[in-house]
Amino acid sequence: MDNVILGIDPGASGGFCLMNNQKMIKLCKFTDWHETNTEIENIKYNYPNVNAVIEKVHAMPGQGVTSMFSFGMNFGYWHGILVAHKIPFNYVSPQKWQKLVGNLPIEKADRKRALRDMAKNNYPEQEKLINLNTADAVWIAKTANTTEPEEPKYQEPIGTVFTASPYENIQEVTLGDMVIVKNIQESNKIGNVAEINVNKKTVKVQLLVNKVWEGTLKNICWIKKNID
């Protein structure tokens, strides 16, 4: 029985890895969105039952506004591509999948090199494709069957919509959250959280119409936000 998983490292220097029953089928470094969209379209055509797992990284203290905005946009683009091709997806934190890989160095640079070398040992036939940019995607795909999803599978572009009231605490807002902006004139009000200002409790949303909206939490609704 096929178990096709698309593991995605959504960073600008990341990549994606396609596996079927732990066998690597495709490994790509991210280049541009047109090429990536074509690759995902082909994957969906050849493997209609594919499921995706996206690494979900929270904003960290000290991160620059530009880097946070860029990451939020990348995260949002991946959402858009998967939704457009009707590929269900789950999230996994780096802490979860890295724990399943095994003991890893604490320092980020050493950890990245260790993940690369371990991936090469596991998939020597793909050694030339595995590098510091693509290794994370390999492990996200490989560990997908042993991780508990952090949120329910996303199935439809707009599922249950929840108001922002349970999320007045800015710390519960995550870059890449898909939201609907209320009380604006744009025909397409859907977008992704691209920037968070903890002090002012405001957010910027990258709309799917390629415009940016900025406002407070009470002016947006979450799509498929998990509520315990």
Protein backbone atom coordinates (compact mmCIF):
# COMPACT_ATOMS: atom_id res chain seq x y z
CA MET A 1 0.00 0.00 0.00
CA ASP A 2 1.38 3.37 -1.01
CA ASN A 3 2.10 5.92 1.69
CA VAL A 4 3.21 9.02 -0.20
CA ILE A 5 4.50 11.91 1.92
CA LEU A 6 5.69 15.33 0.81
CA GLY A 7 8.00 16.82 3.45
CA ILE A 8 8.41 20.59 3.23
CA ASP A 9 11.01 22.90 4.75
CA PRO A 10 9.32 26.26 3.99
CA GLY A 11 12.35 28.48 4.46
CA ALA A 12 13.63 30.53 1.51
CA SER A 13 16.72 28.29 1.43
CA GLY A 14 14.76 25.11 2.17
CA GLY A 15 13.33 22.44 -0.07
CA PHE A 16 10.89 19.57 -0.35
CA CYS A 17 11.18 15.79 -0.38
CA LEU A 18 8.75 13.20 -1.74
CA MET A 19 8.78 9.72 -0.25
CA ASN A 20 6.71 6.60 -0.81
CA ASN A 21 6.92 4.09 2.05
CA GLN A 22 10.22 5.68 3.20
CA LYS A 23 11.72 5.41 -0.31
CA MET A 24 12.88 8.75 -1.67
CA ILE A 25 11.28 9.64 -5.00
CA LYS A 26 12.18 13.30 -5.41
CA LEU A 27 14.30 15.85 -3.56
CA CYS A 28 14.43 19.49 -4.63
CA LYS A 29 15.92 22.70 -3.30
CA PHE A 30 13.54 25.64 -3.51
CA THR A 31 14.30 27.83 -6.54
CA ASP A 32 11.28 29.93 -7.50
CA TRP A 33 7.53 29.68 -7.03
CA HIS A 34 6.64 29.04 -10.68
CA GLU A 35 8.96 26.04 -10.86
CA THR A 36 7.87 24.80 -7.44
CA ASN A 37 4.20 25.06 -8.40
CA THR A 38 4.85 22.99 -11.54
CA GLU A 39 6.70 20.36 -9.49
CA ILE A 40 3.84 20.07 -6.99
CA GLU A 41 1.29 19.91 -9.81
CA ASN A 42 3.18 16.95 -11.31
CA ILE A 43 3.45 15.25 -7.94
CA LYS A 44 -0.31 15.53 -7.39
CA TYR A 45 -0.95 14.14 -10.89
CA ASN A 46 1.34 11.14 -10.40
CA TYR A 47 0.48 10.54 -6.72
CA PRO A 48 -3.13 11.69 -6.18
CA ASN A 49 -3.18 10.39 -2.58
CA VAL A 50 -0.14 12.39 -1.50
CA ASN A 51 -0.20 14.06 1.93
CA ALA A 52 2.13 16.88 2.95
CA VAL A 53 3.87 17.78 6.21
CA ILE A 54 5.12 21.34 6.68
CA GLU A 55 7.63 22.39 9.30
CA LYS A 56 6.00 25.05 11.46
CA VAL A 57 8.47 27.45 13.03
CA HIS A 58 7.30 30.06 15.53
CA ALA A 59 8.67 33.58 15.68
CA MET A 60 11.67 33.86 18.00
CA PRO A 61 12.79 36.84 20.11
CA GLY A 62 15.42 38.88 18.31
CA GLN A 63 14.32 37.97 14.81
CA GLY A 64 14.39 40.88 12.40
CA VAL A 65 11.17 42.24 10.92
CA THR A 66 12.37 41.59 7.36
CA SER A 67 13.25 37.95 8.01
CA MET A 68 9.96 37.34 9.82
CA PHE A 69 8.00 38.90 6.97
CA SER A 70 9.92 36.89 4.36
CA PHE A 71 9.38 33.63 6.23
CA GLY A 72 5.68 34.38 6.67
CA MET A 73 5.33 34.99 2.94
CA ASN A 74 7.08 31.70 2.09
CA PHE A 75 4.91 29.84 4.57
CA GLY A 76 1.82 31.42 3.03
CA TYR A 77 2.88 30.58 -0.51
CA TRP A 78 3.23 26.92 0.45
CA HIS A 79 -0.27 26.99 1.90
CA GLY A 80 -1.57 28.45 -1.33
CA ILE A 81 0.14 25.86 -3.54
CA LEU A 82 -1.08 22.92 -1.45
CA VAL A 83 -4.62 24.26 -1.24
CA ALA A 84 -4.69 24.98 -4.99
CA HIS A 85 -3.72 21.39 -5.75
CA LYS A 86 -6.00 19.96 -3.03
CA ILE A 87 -3.17 18.29 -1.12
CA PRO A 88 -4.05 17.76 2.57
CA PHE A 89 -1.33 18.79 5.00
CA ASN A 90 -0.29 18.71 8.64
CA TYR A 91 2.24 20.75 10.61
CA VAL A 92 5.21 19.49 12.60
CA SER A 93 7.58 21.51 14.77
CA PRO A 94 11.35 21.14 14.27
CA GLN A 95 11.62 19.98 17.88
CA LYS A 96 9.32 17.03 17.19
CA TRP A 97 10.91 15.68 14.04
CA GLN A 98 14.46 16.30 15.26
CA LYS A 99 13.73 14.32 18.42
CA LEU A 100 12.73 11.35 16.25
CA VAL A 101 15.95 11.56 14.24
CA GLY A 102 18.03 10.97 17.38
CA ASN A 103 20.71 12.75 19.39
CA LEU A 104 21.78 15.90 17.59
CA PRO A 105 24.29 18.68 18.40
CA ILE A 106 22.94 21.73 20.21
CA GLU A 107 24.61 24.32 18.00
CA LYS A 108 22.57 25.01 14.87
CA ALA A 109 25.47 24.83 12.40
CA ASP A 110 26.68 21.52 13.84
CA ARG A 111 23.13 20.19 13.91
CA LYS A 112 22.54 21.09 10.24
CA ARG A 113 25.74 19.29 9.21
CA ALA A 114 24.81 16.23 11.26
CA LEU A 115 21.35 16.06 9.66
CA ARG A 116 22.94 16.32 6.21
CA ASP A 117 25.48 13.57 6.89
CA MET A 118 22.87 11.24 8.43
CA ALA A 119 20.55 11.77 5.46
CA LYS A 120 23.37 10.90 3.06
CA ASN A 121 24.04 7.70 4.99
CA ASN A 122 20.36 6.75 4.80
CA TYR A 123 20.01 7.59 1.11
CA PRO A 124 23.45 7.16 -0.53
CA GLU A 125 21.89 6.96 -4.00
CA GLN A 126 20.69 10.56 -3.55
CA GLU A 127 23.91 11.81 -1.96
CA LYS A 128 24.50 14.53 -4.57
CA LEU A 129 21.08 16.07 -3.93
CA ILE A 130 21.34 16.08 -0.15
CA ASN A 131 22.93 19.22 1.26
CA LEU A 132 22.42 21.80 4.00
CA ASN A 133 19.41 23.21 2.13
CA THR A 134 17.56 19.94 1.49
CA ALA A 135 18.44 17.69 4.44
CA ASP A 136 15.69 19.02 6.72
CA ALA A 137 13.04 18.20 4.12
CA VAL A 138 14.35 14.63 3.94
CA TRP A 139 13.87 14.15 7.67
CA ILE A 140 10.50 15.91 7.76
CA ALA A 141 9.24 13.41 5.17
CA LYS A 142 10.98 10.39 6.72
CA THR A 143 9.67 11.02 10.25
CA ALA A 144 6.15 12.00 9.13
CA ASN A 145 4.61 8.63 9.95
CA THR A 146 5.84 8.73 13.54
CA THR A 147 4.90 12.30 14.45
CA GLU A 148 1.61 13.39 15.91
CA PRO A 149 0.14 16.24 13.84
CA GLU A 150 0.05 19.56 15.67
CA GLU A 151 -3.21 20.57 14.00
CA PRO A 152 -5.99 18.72 12.15
CA LYS A 153 -5.44 18.01 8.48
CA TYR A 154 -6.33 20.95 6.32
CA GLN A 155 -8.88 19.84 3.71
CA GLU A 156 -10.66 22.89 2.29
CA PRO A 157 -9.58 26.46 1.48
CA ILE A 158 -12.06 27.79 4.01
CA GLY A 159 -13.16 25.46 6.75
CA THR A 160 -14.56 26.39 10.12
CA VAL A 161 -13.84 30.04 10.84
CA PHE A 162 -13.12 31.13 14.40
CA THR A 163 -13.09 34.70 15.63
CA ALA A 164 -9.94 36.18 17.09
CA SER A 165 -11.33 36.37 20.60
CA PRO A 166 -9.61 33.18 21.88
CA TYR A 167 -6.32 34.55 20.58
CA GLU A 168 -6.06 37.98 22.16
CA ASN A 169 -2.76 36.80 23.58
CA ILE A 170 -0.27 37.76 20.87
CA GLN A 171 1.99 34.87 21.91
CA GLU A 172 -0.55 32.41 20.48
CA VAL A 173 -0.31 33.92 17.02
CA THR A 174 2.00 32.13 14.59
CA LEU A 175 3.63 33.30 11.39
CA GLY A 176 1.83 31.76 8.45
CA ASP A 177 -1.57 31.41 10.17
CA MET A 178 -4.25 31.60 7.50
CA VAL A 179 -6.79 34.30 8.31
CA ILE A 180 -9.71 36.28 6.95
CA VAL A 181 -9.49 40.03 7.34
CA LYS A 182 -12.81 41.64 8.31
CA ASN A 183 -14.13 45.03 7.22
CA ILE A 184 -11.94 45.66 4.18
CA GLN A 185 -12.99 46.22 0.59
CA GLU A 186 -10.78 43.62 -1.11
CA SER A 187 -12.74 40.90 -2.89
CA ASN A 188 -10.25 38.33 -1.60
CA LYS A 189 -9.77 38.93 2.12
CA ILE A 190 -7.82 35.72 2.77
CA GLY A 191 -4.14 35.86 3.63
CA ASN A 192 -1.38 34.69 5.93
CA VAL A 193 0.11 36.33 9.01
CA ALA A 194 3.45 37.67 7.77
CA GLU A 195 4.62 39.90 10.63
CA ILE A 196 3.86 40.12 14.35
CA ASN A 197 4.45 43.13 16.62
CA VAL A 198 4.37 41.73 20.15
CA ASN A 199 4.48 45.11 21.87
CA LYS A 200 1.68 46.76 19.91
CA LYS A 201 -0.30 43.51 19.54
CA THR A 202 -0.68 44.09 15.82
CA VAL A 203 -0.12 41.90 12.81
CA LYS A 204 0.51 42.28 9.10
CA VAL A 205 -1.34 39.97 6.74
CA GLN A 206 -0.11 39.11 3.24
CA LEU A 207 -3.34 38.92 1.25
CA LEU A 208 -3.69 36.50 -1.65
CA VAL A 209 -4.32 39.52 -3.90
CA ASN A 210 -0.65 40.47 -3.29
CA LYS A 211 -1.44 43.33 -0.93
CA VAL A 212 -0.48 43.77 2.72
CA TRP A 213 -3.00 44.63 5.44
CA GLU A 214 -1.99 45.78 8.93
CA GLY A 215 -4.20 45.90 12.00
CA THR A 216 -5.09 44.41 15.38
CA LEU A 217 -6.06 40.86 16.22
CA LYS A 218 -9.72 41.69 16.71
CA ASN A 219 -10.03 42.54 13.01
CA ILE A 220 -9.13 39.08 11.73
CA CYS A 221 -10.55 35.56 11.92
CA TRP A 222 -8.54 32.35 11.83
CA ILE A 223 -9.24 29.59 9.35
CA LYS A 224 -8.89 26.09 10.79
CA LYS A 225 -7.14 27.33 13.92
CA ASN A 226 -6.99 24.46 16.40
CA ILE A 227 -8.99 25.06 19.58
CA ASP A 228 -8.68 22.56 22.43
